[in-house]
Amino acid sequence: MRKERIEATNKVAKSLWDAEQKIEDAIAAVAQLNAILPTARSMAKVSSIIGQDVFNASCTSLRNLIKARGNMVDTHHLLDGVKTDIGLKTYNAGGGFPKFPQTAMLNIVDNQAA
């Protein structure tokens, strides 16, 4: 039974790693889009009034992806607890990166002045 639990844990860890990586890839792609939008507007020589809804939608997409990343981090922590519950020690099964304890958290703040 321990062998089956380890195999199942490894499959879940790989799937979790893949999901986390895809979300981060999407964050990078949308961030790149957000970075090019102001330059493209200037190059096209149009008023900043034009396309504001595009900026809003794209930035909302980025914010939602960052929230999704946070949800995956929560999933990661919850799965660590499940591993302990089924009698397996916590070990790094995915990505090859060391696990560090969480020392800080980035929170998204809506509608706040900088």
PDB file of N, CA and C in Angstrom:
ATOM      1  N   MET A   1       0.826  -1.188   0.000  1.00  0.00           N
ATOM      2  CA  MET A   1       0.000   0.000   0.000  1.00  0.00           C
ATOM      3  C   MET A   1       0.876   1.260   0.000  1.00  0.00           C
ATOM      4  N   ARG A   2       2.013   1.216   0.668  1.00  0.00           N
ATOM      5  CA  ARG A   2       2.899   2.388   0.687  1.00  0.00           C
ATOM      6  C   ARG A   2       3.394   2.704  -0.717  1.00  0.00           C
ATOM      7  N   LYS A   3       3.728   1.673  -1.482  1.00  0.00           N
ATOM      8  CA  LYS A   3       4.211   1.883  -2.854  1.00  0.00           C
ATOM      9  C   LYS A   3       3.152   2.604  -3.685  1.00  0.00           C
ATOM     10  N   GLU A   4       1.893   2.190  -3.568  1.00  0.00           N
ATOM     11  CA  GLU A   4       0.810   2.820  -4.317  1.00  0.00           C
ATOM     12  C   GLU A   4       0.624   4.278  -3.897  1.00  0.00           C
ATOM     13  N   ARG A   5       0.765   4.541  -2.615  1.00  0.00           N
ATOM     14  CA  ARG A   5       0.626   5.921  -2.131  1.00  0.00           C
ATOM     15  C   ARG A   5       1.756   6.803  -2.665  1.00  0.00           C
ATOM     16  N   ILE A   6       2.961   6.258  -2.699  1.00  0.00           N
ATOM     17  CA  ILE A   6       4.096   7.017  -3.236  1.00  0.00           C
ATOM     18  C   ILE A   6       3.886   7.289  -4.719  1.00  0.00           C
ATOM     19  N   GLU A   7       3.442   6.288  -5.471  1.00  0.00           N
ATOM     20  CA  GLU A   7       3.177   6.477  -6.905  1.00  0.00           C
ATOM     21  C   GLU A   7       2.090   7.535  -7.122  1.00  0.00           C
ATOM     22  N   ALA A   8       1.025   7.450  -6.346  1.00  0.00           N
ATOM     23  CA  ALA A   8      -0.060   8.429  -6.474  1.00  0.00           C
ATOM     24  C   ALA A   8       0.440   9.828  -6.119  1.00  0.00           C
ATOM     25  N   THR A   9       1.230   9.918  -5.065  1.00  0.00           N
ATOM     26  CA  THR A   9       1.792  11.206  -4.657  1.00  0.00           C
ATOM     27  C   THR A   9       2.677  11.784  -5.748  1.00  0.00           C
ATOM     28  N   ASN A  10       3.490  10.945  -6.372  1.00  0.00           N
ATOM     29  CA  ASN A  10       4.363  11.413  -7.456  1.00  0.00           C
ATOM     30  C   ASN A  10       3.557  11.921  -8.647  1.00  0.00           C
ATOM     31  N   LYS A  11       2.464  11.236  -8.979  1.00  0.00           N
ATOM     32  CA  LYS A  11       1.617  11.689 -10.092  1.00  0.00           C
ATOM     33  C   LYS A  11       0.977  13.038  -9.777  1.00  0.00           C
ATOM     34  N   VAL A  12       0.483  13.174  -8.564  1.00  0.00           N
ATOM     35  CA  VAL A  12      -0.127  14.440  -8.160  1.00  0.00           C
ATOM     36  C   VAL A  12       0.924  15.550  -8.159  1.00  0.00           C
ATOM     37  N   ALA A  13       2.119  15.257  -7.649  1.00  0.00           N
ATOM     38  CA  ALA A  13       3.185  16.269  -7.602  1.00  0.00           C
ATOM     39  C   ALA A  13       3.559  16.730  -9.005  1.00  0.00           C
ATOM     40  N   LYS A  14       3.665  15.804  -9.947  1.00  0.00           N
ATOM     41  CA  LYS A  14       4.004  16.179 -11.320  1.00  0.00           C
ATOM     42  C   LYS A  14       2.896  17.030 -11.929  1.00  0.00           C
ATOM     43  N   SER A  15       1.657  16.633 -11.711  1.00  0.00           N
ATOM     44  CA  SER A  15       0.528  17.395 -12.236  1.00  0.00           C
ATOM     45  C   SER A  15       0.479  18.793 -11.622  1.00  0.00           C
ATOM     46  N   LEU A  16       0.736  18.889 -10.330  1.00  0.00           N
ATOM     47  CA  LEU A  16       0.762  20.180  -9.645  1.00  0.00           C
ATOM     48  C   LEU A  16       1.872  21.057 -10.211  1.00  0.00           C
ATOM     49  N   TRP A  17       3.063  20.486 -10.374  1.00  0.00           N
ATOM     50  CA  TRP A  17       4.189  21.238 -10.934  1.00  0.00           C
ATOM     51  C   TRP A  17       3.843  21.745 -12.331  1.00  0.00           C
ATOM     52  N   ASP A  18       3.264  20.882 -13.163  1.00  0.00           N
ATOM     53  CA  ASP A  18       2.890  21.285 -14.527  1.00  0.00           C
ATOM     54  C   ASP A  18       1.875  22.432 -14.509  1.00  0.00           C
ATOM     55  N   ALA A  19       0.875  22.321 -13.643  1.00  0.00           N
ATOM     56  CA  ALA A  19      -0.148  23.372 -13.551  1.00  0.00           C
ATOM     57  C   ALA A  19       0.467  24.687 -13.087  1.00  0.00           C
ATOM     58  N   GLU A  20       1.322  24.620 -12.074  1.00  0.00           N
ATOM     59  CA  GLU A  20       1.977  25.836 -11.582  1.00  0.00           C
ATOM     60  C   GLU A  20       2.815  26.486 -12.681  1.00  0.00           C
ATOM     61  N   GLN A  21       3.542  25.672 -13.435  1.00  0.00           N
ATOM     62  CA  GLN A  21       4.397  26.210 -14.493  1.00  0.00           C
ATOM     63  C   GLN A  21       3.574  26.853 -15.606  1.00  0.00           C
ATOM     64  N   LYS A  22       2.454  26.219 -15.967  1.00  0.00           N
ATOM     65  CA  LYS A  22       1.607  26.779 -17.025  1.00  0.00           C
ATOM     66  C   LYS A  22       0.983  28.106 -16.597  1.00  0.00           C
ATOM     67  N   ILE A  23       0.593  28.200 -15.348  1.00  0.00           N
ATOM     68  CA  ILE A  23       0.043  29.465 -14.854  1.00  0.00           C
ATOM     69  C   ILE A  23       1.119  30.546 -14.889  1.00  0.00           C
ATOM     70  N   GLU A  24       2.335  30.212 -14.467  1.00  0.00           N
ATOM     71  CA  GLU A  24       3.411  31.206 -14.501  1.00  0.00           C
ATOM     72  C   GLU A  24       3.767  31.601 -15.929  1.00  0.00           C
ATOM     73  N   ASP A  25       3.716  30.652 -16.855  1.00  0.00           N
ATOM     74  CA  ASP A  25       3.947  30.986 -18.269  1.00  0.00           C
ATOM     75  C   ASP A  25       2.876  31.954 -18.773  1.00  0.00           C
ATOM     76  N   ALA A  26       1.627  31.702 -18.372  1.00  0.00           N
ATOM     77  CA  ALA A  26       0.533  32.596 -18.776  1.00  0.00           C
ATOM     78  C   ALA A  26       0.709  33.980 -18.153  1.00  0.00           C
ATOM     79  N   ILE A  27       1.141  34.035 -16.903  1.00  0.00           N
ATOM     80  CA  ILE A  27       1.399  35.329 -16.258  1.00  0.00           C
ATOM     81  C   ILE A  27       2.449  36.102 -17.044  1.00  0.00           C
ATOM     82  N   ALA A  28       3.523  35.432 -17.430  1.00  0.00           N
ATOM     83  CA  ALA A  28       4.590  36.100 -18.187  1.00  0.00           C
ATOM     84  C   ALA A  28       4.079  36.603 -19.535  1.00  0.00           C
ATOM     85  N   ALA A  29       3.260  35.802 -20.206  1.00  0.00           N
ATOM     86  CA  ALA A  29       2.741  36.198 -21.521  1.00  0.00           C
ATOM     87  C   ALA A  29       1.814  37.407 -21.415  1.00  0.00           C
ATOM     88  N   VAL A  30       0.929  37.402 -20.432  1.00  0.00           N
ATOM     89  CA  VAL A  30       0.002  38.526 -20.274  1.00  0.00           C
ATOM     90  C   VAL A  30       0.754  39.770 -19.796  1.00  0.00           C
ATOM     91  N   ALA A  31       1.746  39.594 -18.943  1.00  0.00           N
ATOM     92  CA  ALA A  31       2.561  40.737 -18.511  1.00  0.00           C
ATOM     93  C   ALA A  31       3.286  41.356 -19.703  1.00  0.00           C
ATOM     94  N   GLN A  32       3.764  40.511 -20.597  1.00  0.00           N
ATOM     95  CA  GLN A  32       4.427  41.020 -21.806  1.00  0.00           C
ATOM     96  C   GLN A  32       3.430  41.806 -22.666  1.00  0.00           C
ATOM     97  N   LEU A  33       2.223  41.279 -22.812  1.00  0.00           N
ATOM     98  CA  LEU A  33       1.183  42.002 -23.546  1.00  0.00           C
ATOM     99  C   LEU A  33       0.910  43.355 -22.890  1.00  0.00           C
ATOM    100  N   ASN A  34       0.756  43.357 -21.572  1.00  0.00           N
ATOM    101  CA  ASN A  34       0.491  44.610 -20.857  1.00  0.00           C
ATOM    102  C   ASN A  34       1.626  45.612 -21.047  1.00  0.00           C
ATOM    103  N   ALA A  35       2.840  45.125 -21.129  1.00  0.00           N
ATOM    104  CA  ALA A  35       3.992  46.015 -21.307  1.00  0.00           C
ATOM    105  C   ALA A  35       4.015  46.642 -22.695  1.00  0.00           C
ATOM    106  N   ILE A  36       3.536  45.924 -23.703  1.00  0.00           N
ATOM    107  CA  ILE A  36       3.605  46.431 -25.078  1.00  0.00           C
ATOM    108  C   ILE A  36       2.431  47.350 -25.423  1.00  0.00           C
ATOM    109  N   LEU A  37       1.327  47.248 -24.716  1.00  0.00           N
ATOM    110  CA  LEU A  37       0.145  48.044 -25.058  1.00  0.00           C
ATOM    111  C   LEU A  37       0.406  49.553 -25.089  1.00  0.00           C
ATOM    112  N   PRO A  38       1.046  50.146 -24.086  1.00  0.00           N
ATOM    113  CA  PRO A  38       1.279  51.595 -24.154  1.00  0.00           C
ATOM    114  C   PRO A  38       2.187  51.992 -25.322  1.00  0.00           C
ATOM    115  N   THR A  39       3.189  51.181 -25.594  1.00  0.00           N
ATOM    116  CA  THR A  39       4.086  51.462 -26.718  1.00  0.00           C
ATOM    117  C   THR A  39       3.340  51.380 -28.036  1.00  0.00           C
ATOM    118  N   ALA A  40       2.496  50.382 -28.174  1.00  0.00           N
ATOM    119  CA  ALA A  40       1.722  50.221 -29.410  1.00  0.00           C
ATOM    120  C   ALA A  40       0.777  51.400 -29.611  1.00  0.00           C
ATOM    121  N   ARG A  41       0.162  51.873 -28.533  1.00  0.00           N
ATOM    122  CA  ARG A  41      -0.723  53.033 -28.639  1.00  0.00           C
ATOM    123  C   ARG A  41       0.055  54.257 -29.099  1.00  0.00           C
ATOM    124  N   SER A  42       1.227  54.458 -28.526  1.00  0.00           N
ATOM    125  CA  SER A  42       2.061  55.600 -28.926  1.00  0.00           C
ATOM    126  C   SER A  42       2.513  55.477 -30.374  1.00  0.00           C
ATOM    127  N   MET A  43       2.927  54.280 -30.771  1.00  0.00           N
ATOM    128  CA  MET A  43       3.366  54.059 -32.153  1.00  0.00           C
ATOM    129  C   MET A  43       2.246  54.347 -33.139  1.00  0.00           C
ATOM    130  N   ALA A  44       1.020  53.997 -32.761  1.00  0.00           N
ATOM    131  CA  ALA A  44      -0.133  54.210 -33.639  1.00  0.00           C
ATOM    132  C   ALA A  44      -0.601  55.663 -33.622  1.00  0.00           C
ATOM    133  N   LYS A  45      -0.029  56.450 -32.719  1.00  0.00           N
ATOM    134  CA  LYS A  45      -0.361  57.875 -32.597  1.00  0.00           C
ATOM    135  C   LYS A  45      -1.865  58.102 -32.392  1.00  0.00           C
ATOM    136  N   VAL A  46      -2.411  57.359 -31.413  1.00  0.00           N
ATOM    137  CA  VAL A  46      -3.818  57.544 -31.063  1.00  0.00           C
ATOM    138  C   VAL A  46      -3.908  58.055 -29.630  1.00  0.00           C
ATOM    139  N   SER A  47      -5.011  58.682 -29.328  1.00  0.00           N
ATOM    140  CA  SER A  47      -5.249  59.234 -28.002  1.00  0.00           C
ATOM    141  C   SER A  47      -5.249  58.123 -26.952  1.00  0.00           C
ATOM    142  N   SER A  48      -4.843  58.480 -25.744  1.00  0.00           N
ATOM    143  CA  SER A  48      -4.866  57.499 -24.653  1.00  0.00           C
ATOM    144  C   SER A  48      -6.289  57.106 -24.279  1.00  0.00           C
ATOM    145  N   ILE A  49      -7.264  57.884 -24.732  1.00  0.00           N
ATOM    146  CA  ILE A  49      -8.668  57.533 -24.498  1.00  0.00           C
ATOM    147  C   ILE A  49      -9.021  56.256 -25.256  1.00  0.00           C
ATOM    148  N   ILE A  50      -8.410  56.098 -26.418  1.00  0.00           N
ATOM    149  CA  ILE A  50      -8.678  54.924 -27.251  1.00  0.00           C
ATOM    150  C   ILE A  50      -8.064  53.686 -26.597  1.00  0.00           C
ATOM    151  N   GLY A  51      -8.849  52.677 -26.450  1.00  0.00           N
ATOM    152  CA  GLY A  51      -8.347  51.392 -25.969  1.00  0.00           C
ATOM    153  C   GLY A  51      -8.228  51.242 -24.468  1.00  0.00           C
ATOM    154  N   GLN A  52      -8.769  52.173 -23.696  1.00  0.00           N
ATOM    155  CA  GLN A  52      -8.679  52.037 -22.241  1.00  0.00           C
ATOM    156  C   GLN A  52      -9.322  50.737 -21.772  1.00  0.00           C
ATOM    157  N   ASP A  53     -10.424  50.342 -22.428  1.00  0.00           N
ATOM    158  CA  ASP A  53     -11.082  49.089 -22.054  1.00  0.00           C
ATOM    159  C   ASP A  53     -10.168  47.891 -22.300  1.00  0.00           C
ATOM    160  N   VAL A  54      -9.289  47.995 -23.299  1.00  0.00           N
ATOM    161  CA  VAL A  54      -8.318  46.926 -23.567  1.00  0.00           C
ATOM    162  C   VAL A  54      -7.324  46.834 -22.408  1.00  0.00           C
ATOM    163  N   PHE A  55      -6.807  47.978 -21.962  1.00  0.00           N
ATOM    164  CA  PHE A  55      -5.893  47.995 -20.817  1.00  0.00           C
ATOM    165  C   PHE A  55      -6.566  47.375 -19.595  1.00  0.00           C
ATOM    166  N   ASN A  56      -7.804  47.797 -19.336  1.00  0.00           N
ATOM    167  CA  ASN A  56      -8.530  47.280 -18.172  1.00  0.00           C
ATOM    168  C   ASN A  56      -8.700  45.770 -18.242  1.00  0.00           C
ATOM    169  N   ALA A  57      -9.121  45.275 -19.397  1.00  0.00           N
ATOM    170  CA  ALA A  57      -9.363  43.837 -19.543  1.00  0.00           C
ATOM    171  C   ALA A  57      -8.070  43.041 -19.413  1.00  0.00           C
ATOM    172  N   SER A  58      -7.017  43.528 -20.035  1.00  0.00           N
ATOM    173  CA  SER A  58      -5.750  42.805 -19.984  1.00  0.00           C
ATOM    174  C   SER A  58      -5.168  42.796 -18.571  1.00  0.00           C
ATOM    175  N   CYS A  59      -5.261  43.919 -17.886  1.00  0.00           N
ATOM    176  CA  CYS A  59      -4.767  43.979 -16.507  1.00  0.00           C
ATOM    177  C   CYS A  59      -5.612  43.110 -15.575  1.00  0.00           C
ATOM    178  N   THR A  60      -6.909  43.052 -15.818  1.00  0.00           N
ATOM    179  CA  THR A  60      -7.773  42.166 -15.039  1.00  0.00           C
ATOM    180  C   THR A  60      -7.388  40.711 -15.268  1.00  0.00           C
ATOM    181  N   SER A  61      -7.069  40.369 -16.502  1.00  0.00           N
ATOM    182  CA  SER A  61      -6.614  39.007 -16.801  1.00  0.00           C
ATOM    183  C   SER A  61      -5.353  38.674 -16.017  1.00  0.00           C
ATOM    184  N   LEU A  62      -4.413  39.606 -15.979  1.00  0.00           N
ATOM    185  CA  LEU A  62      -3.174  39.379 -15.231  1.00  0.00           C
ATOM    186  C   LEU A  62      -3.466  39.210 -13.741  1.00  0.00           C
ATOM    187  N   ARG A  63      -4.312  40.076 -13.211  1.00  0.00           N
ATOM    188  CA  ARG A  63      -4.669  39.976 -11.792  1.00  0.00           C
ATOM    189  C   ARG A  63      -5.306  38.616 -11.486  1.00  0.00           C
ATOM    190  N   ASN A  64      -6.183  38.148 -12.372  1.00  0.00           N
ATOM    191  CA  ASN A  64      -6.837  36.858 -12.151  1.00  0.00           C
ATOM    192  C   ASN A  64      -5.852  35.700 -12.236  1.00  0.00           C
ATOM    193  N   LEU A  65      -4.881  35.794 -13.128  1.00  0.00           N
ATOM    194  CA  LEU A  65      -3.850  34.755 -13.206  1.00  0.00           C
ATOM    195  C   LEU A  65      -3.001  34.732 -11.937  1.00  0.00           C
ATOM    196  N   ILE A  66      -2.704  35.903 -11.401  1.00  0.00           N
ATOM    197  CA  ILE A  66      -1.928  35.965 -10.163  1.00  0.00           C
ATOM    198  C   ILE A  66      -2.738  35.381  -9.004  1.00  0.00           C
ATOM    199  N   LYS A  67      -4.039  35.637  -8.996  1.00  0.00           N
ATOM    200  CA  LYS A  67      -4.901  35.008  -7.986  1.00  0.00           C
ATOM    201  C   LYS A  67      -4.896  33.490  -8.160  1.00  0.00           C
ATOM    202  N   ALA A  68      -4.951  33.025  -9.409  1.00  0.00           N
ATOM    203  CA  ALA A  68      -4.910  31.584  -9.676  1.00  0.00           C
ATOM    204  C   ALA A  68      -3.600  30.986  -9.171  1.00  0.00           C
ATOM    205  N   ARG A  69      -2.494  31.708  -9.363  1.00  0.00           N
ATOM    206  CA  ARG A  69      -1.202  31.235  -8.864  1.00  0.00           C
ATOM    207  C   ARG A  69      -1.247  31.097  -7.342  1.00  0.00           C
ATOM    208  N   GLY A  70      -1.836  32.077  -6.672  1.00  0.00           N
ATOM    209  CA  GLY A  70      -1.976  32.001  -5.219  1.00  0.00           C
ATOM    210  C   GLY A  70      -2.821  30.816  -4.784  1.00  0.00           C
ATOM    211  N   ASN A  71      -3.870  30.530  -5.550  1.00  0.00           N
ATOM    212  CA  ASN A  71      -4.704  29.360  -5.247  1.00  0.00           C
ATOM    213  C   ASN A  71      -3.913  28.067  -5.408  1.00  0.00           C
ATOM    214  N   MET A  72      -3.027  28.026  -6.399  1.00  0.00           N
ATOM    215  CA  MET A  72      -2.197  26.834  -6.586  1.00  0.00           C
ATOM    216  C   MET A  72      -1.185  26.695  -5.448  1.00  0.00           C
ATOM    217  N   VAL A  73      -0.677  27.807  -4.950  1.00  0.00           N
ATOM    218  CA  VAL A  73       0.213  27.762  -3.786  1.00  0.00           C
ATOM    219  C   VAL A  73      -0.551  27.203  -2.588  1.00  0.00           C
ATOM    220  N   ASP A  74      -1.788  27.652  -2.400  1.00  0.00           N
ATOM    221  CA  ASP A  74      -2.623  27.107  -1.326  1.00  0.00           C
ATOM    222  C   ASP A  74      -2.831  25.608  -1.515  1.00  0.00           C
ATOM    223  N   THR A  75      -3.103  25.202  -2.754  1.00  0.00           N
ATOM    224  CA  THR A  75      -3.272  23.779  -3.063  1.00  0.00           C
ATOM    225  C   THR A  75      -2.015  23.009  -2.698  1.00  0.00           C
ATOM    226  N   HIS A  76      -0.869  23.573  -3.030  1.00  0.00           N
ATOM    227  CA  HIS A  76       0.423  22.957  -2.728  1.00  0.00           C
ATOM    228  C   HIS A  76       0.547  22.696  -1.220  1.00  0.00           C
ATOM    229  N   HIS A  77       0.253  23.717  -0.424  1.00  0.00           N
ATOM    230  CA  HIS A  77       0.351  23.572   1.032  1.00  0.00           C
ATOM    231  C   HIS A  77      -0.652  22.544   1.561  1.00  0.00           C
ATOM    232  N   LEU A  78      -1.860  22.555   1.033  1.00  0.00           N
ATOM    233  CA  LEU A  78      -2.872  21.591   1.474  1.00  0.00           C
ATOM    234  C   LEU A  78      -2.473  20.164   1.124  1.00  0.00           C
ATOM    235  N   LEU A  79      -1.889  19.983  -0.058  1.00  0.00           N
ATOM    236  CA  LEU A  79      -1.435  18.647  -0.450  1.00  0.00           C
ATOM    237  C   LEU A  79      -0.294  18.161   0.440  1.00  0.00           C
ATOM    238  N   ASP A  80       0.551  19.070   0.908  1.00  0.00           N
ATOM    239  CA  ASP A  80       1.595  18.674   1.859  1.00  0.00           C
ATOM    240  C   ASP A  80       0.964  18.077   3.114  1.00  0.00           C
ATOM    241  N   GLY A  81      -0.138  18.681   3.559  1.00  0.00           N
ATOM    242  CA  GLY A  81      -0.844  18.152   4.718  1.00  0.00           C
ATOM    243  C   GLY A  81      -1.443  16.784   4.456  1.00  0.00           C
ATOM    244  N   VAL A  82      -1.978  16.595   3.259  1.00  0.00           N
ATOM    245  CA  VAL A  82      -2.552  15.294   2.892  1.00  0.00           C
ATOM    246  C   VAL A  82      -1.462  14.227   2.902  1.00  0.00           C
ATOM    247  N   LYS A  83      -0.297  14.581   2.390  1.00  0.00           N
ATOM    248  CA  LYS A  83       0.818  13.628   2.371  1.00  0.00           C
ATOM    249  C   LYS A  83       1.143  13.149   3.784  1.00  0.00           C
ATOM    250  N   THR A  84       1.171  14.069   4.709  1.00  0.00           N
ATOM    251  CA  THR A  84       1.437  13.712   6.096  1.00  0.00           C
ATOM    252  C   THR A  84       0.310  12.837   6.639  1.00  0.00           C
ATOM    253  N   ASP A  85      -0.928  13.181   6.291  1.00  0.00           N
ATOM    254  CA  ASP A  85      -2.086  12.413   6.762  1.00  0.00           C
ATOM    255  C   ASP A  85      -2.057  10.964   6.297  1.00  0.00           C
ATOM    256  N   ILE A  86      -1.487  10.707   5.122  1.00  0.00           N
ATOM    257  CA  ILE A  86      -1.458   9.329   4.617  1.00  0.00           C
ATOM    258  C   ILE A  86      -0.138   8.626   4.946  1.00  0.00           C
ATOM    259  N   GLY A  87       0.670   9.258   5.798  1.00  0.00           N
ATOM    260  CA  GLY A  87       1.863   8.597   6.314  1.00  0.00           C
ATOM    261  C   GLY A  87       3.113   8.749   5.471  1.00  0.00           C
ATOM    262  N   LEU A  88       3.168   9.767   4.625  1.00  0.00           N
ATOM    263  CA  LEU A  88       4.368   9.996   3.819  1.00  0.00           C
ATOM    264  C   LEU A  88       5.041  11.281   4.280  1.00  0.00           C
ATOM    265  N   LYS A  89       6.373  11.240   4.332  1.00  0.00           N
ATOM    266  CA  LYS A  89       7.114  12.445   4.697  1.00  0.00           C
ATOM    267  C   LYS A  89       7.062  13.438   3.553  1.00  0.00           C
ATOM    268  N   THR A  90       7.197  14.707   3.891  1.00  0.00           N
ATOM    269  CA  THR A  90       7.259  15.751   2.871  1.00  0.00           C
ATOM    270  C   THR A  90       8.615  15.701   2.203  1.00  0.00           C
ATOM    271  N   TYR A  91       8.584  15.654   0.893  1.00  0.00           N
ATOM    272  CA  TYR A  91       9.824  15.715   0.118  1.00  0.00           C
ATOM    273  C   TYR A  91       9.534  16.457  -1.166  1.00  0.00           C
ATOM    274  N   ASN A  92      10.577  16.935  -1.791  1.00  0.00           N
ATOM    275  CA  ASN A  92      10.435  17.707  -3.023  1.00  0.00           C
ATOM    276  C   ASN A  92      10.299  16.744  -4.188  1.00  0.00           C
ATOM    277  N   ALA A  93       9.096  16.672  -4.760  1.00  0.00           N
ATOM    278  CA  ALA A  93       8.844  15.719  -5.836  1.00  0.00           C
ATOM    279  C   ALA A  93       8.774  16.366  -7.203  1.00  0.00           C
ATOM    280  N   GLY A  94       8.752  17.661  -7.264  1.00  0.00           N
ATOM    281  CA  GLY A  94       8.576  18.282  -8.575  1.00  0.00           C
ATOM    282  C   GLY A  94       9.429  19.511  -8.755  1.00  0.00           C
ATOM    283  N   GLY A  95       9.876  19.693  -9.978  1.00  0.00           N
ATOM    284  CA  GLY A  95      10.552  20.918 -10.336  1.00  0.00           C
ATOM    285  C   GLY A  95      12.019  20.974 -10.017  1.00  0.00           C
ATOM    286  N   GLY A  96      12.489  20.175  -9.081  1.00  0.00           N
ATOM    287  CA  GLY A  96      13.891  20.190  -8.748  1.00  0.00           C
ATOM    288  C   GLY A  96      14.343  21.420  -7.979  1.00  0.00           C
ATOM    289  N   PHE A  97      13.392  22.212  -7.492  1.00  0.00           N
ATOM    290  CA  PHE A  97      13.736  23.404  -6.730  1.00  0.00           C
ATOM    291  C   PHE A  97      13.545  23.107  -5.249  1.00  0.00           C
ATOM    292  N   PRO A  98      14.419  23.644  -4.401  1.00  0.00           N
ATOM    293  CA  PRO A  98      14.237  23.411  -2.966  1.00  0.00           C
ATOM    294  C   PRO A  98      12.991  24.117  -2.457  1.00  0.00           C
ATOM    295  N   LYS A  99      12.363  23.515  -1.472  1.00  0.00           N
ATOM    296  CA  LYS A  99      11.207  24.140  -0.842  1.00  0.00           C
ATOM    297  C   LYS A  99      11.698  25.007   0.302  1.00  0.00           C
ATOM    298  N   PHE A 100      11.249  26.225   0.335  1.00  0.00           N
ATOM    299  CA  PHE A 100      11.587  27.129   1.417  1.00  0.00           C
ATOM    300  C   PHE A 100      10.310  27.479   2.153  1.00  0.00           C
ATOM    301  N   PRO A 101      10.406  27.706   3.446  1.00  0.00           N
ATOM    302  CA  PRO A 101       9.196  28.118   4.164  1.00  0.00           C
ATOM    303  C   PRO A 101       8.727  29.477   3.669  1.00  0.00           C
ATOM    304  N   GLN A 102       7.432  29.648   3.691  1.00  0.00           N
ATOM    305  CA  GLN A 102       6.854  30.919   3.255  1.00  0.00           C
ATOM    306  C   GLN A 102       7.147  31.968   4.320  1.00  0.00           C
ATOM    307  N   THR A 103       7.830  33.046   3.909  1.00  0.00           N
ATOM    308  CA  THR A 103       8.171  34.092   4.866  1.00  0.00           C
ATOM    309  C   THR A 103       7.430  35.386   4.589  1.00  0.00           C
ATOM    310  N   ALA A 104       6.855  35.495   3.406  1.00  0.00           N
ATOM    311  CA  ALA A 104       6.125  36.710   3.055  1.00  0.00           C
ATOM    312  C   ALA A 104       5.031  36.350   2.071  1.00  0.00           C
ATOM    313  N   MET A 105       4.031  37.208   1.975  1.00  0.00           N
ATOM    314  CA  MET A 105       2.946  36.958   1.042  1.00  0.00           C
ATOM    315  C   MET A 105       2.633  38.246   0.296  1.00  0.00           C
ATOM    316  N   LEU A 106       2.461  38.125  -0.998  1.00  0.00           N
ATOM    317  CA  LEU A 106       2.071  39.252  -1.833  1.00  0.00           C
ATOM    318  C   LEU A 106       0.562  39.203  -2.000  1.00  0.00           C
ATOM    319  N   ASN A 107      -0.110  40.270  -1.626  1.00  0.00           N
ATOM    320  CA  ASN A 107      -1.557  40.342  -1.766  1.00  0.00           C
ATOM    321  C   ASN A 107      -1.920  41.387  -2.801  1.00  0.00           C
ATOM    322  N   ILE A 108      -2.927  41.091  -3.596  1.00  0.00           N
ATOM    323  CA  ILE A 108      -3.429  42.031  -4.585  1.00  0.00           C
ATOM    324  C   ILE A 108      -4.402  42.970  -3.888  1.00  0.00           C
ATOM    325  N   VAL A 109      -4.199  44.250  -4.071  1.00  0.00           N
ATOM    326  CA  VAL A 109      -5.063  45.255  -3.463  1.00  0.00           C
ATOM    327  C   VAL A 109      -5.778  45.985  -4.584  1.00  0.00           C
ATOM    328  N   ASP A 110      -7.085  45.915  -4.592  1.00  0.00           N
ATOM    329  CA  ASP A 110      -7.881  46.581  -5.614  1.00  0.00           C
ATOM    330  C   ASP A 110      -8.192  48.014  -5.190  1.00  0.00           C
ATOM    331  N   ASN A 111      -8.136  48.911  -6.158  1.00  0.00           N
ATOM    332  CA  ASN A 111      -8.590  50.291  -5.983  1.00  0.00           C
ATOM    333  C   ASN A 111      -7.933  51.019  -4.810  1.00  0.00           C
ATOM    334  N   GLN A 112      -6.645  50.882  -4.677  1.00  0.00           N
ATOM    335  CA  GLN A 112      -5.916  51.577  -3.632  1.00  0.00           C
ATOM    336  C   GLN A 112      -4.864  52.471  -4.270  1.00  0.00           C
ATOM    337  N   ALA A 113      -4.700  53.657  -3.743  1.00  0.00           N
ATOM    338  CA  ALA A 113      -3.664  54.569  -4.245  1.00  0.00           C
ATOM    339  C   ALA A 113      -2.297  54.038  -3.850  1.00  0.00           C
ATOM    340  N   ALA A 114      -1.322  54.268  -4.706  1.00  0.00           N
ATOM    341  CA  ALA A 114       0.031  53.788  -4.417  1.00  0.00           C
ATOM    342  C   ALA A 114       0.693  54.648  -3.377  1.00  0.00           C
TER     343      ALA A 114
END
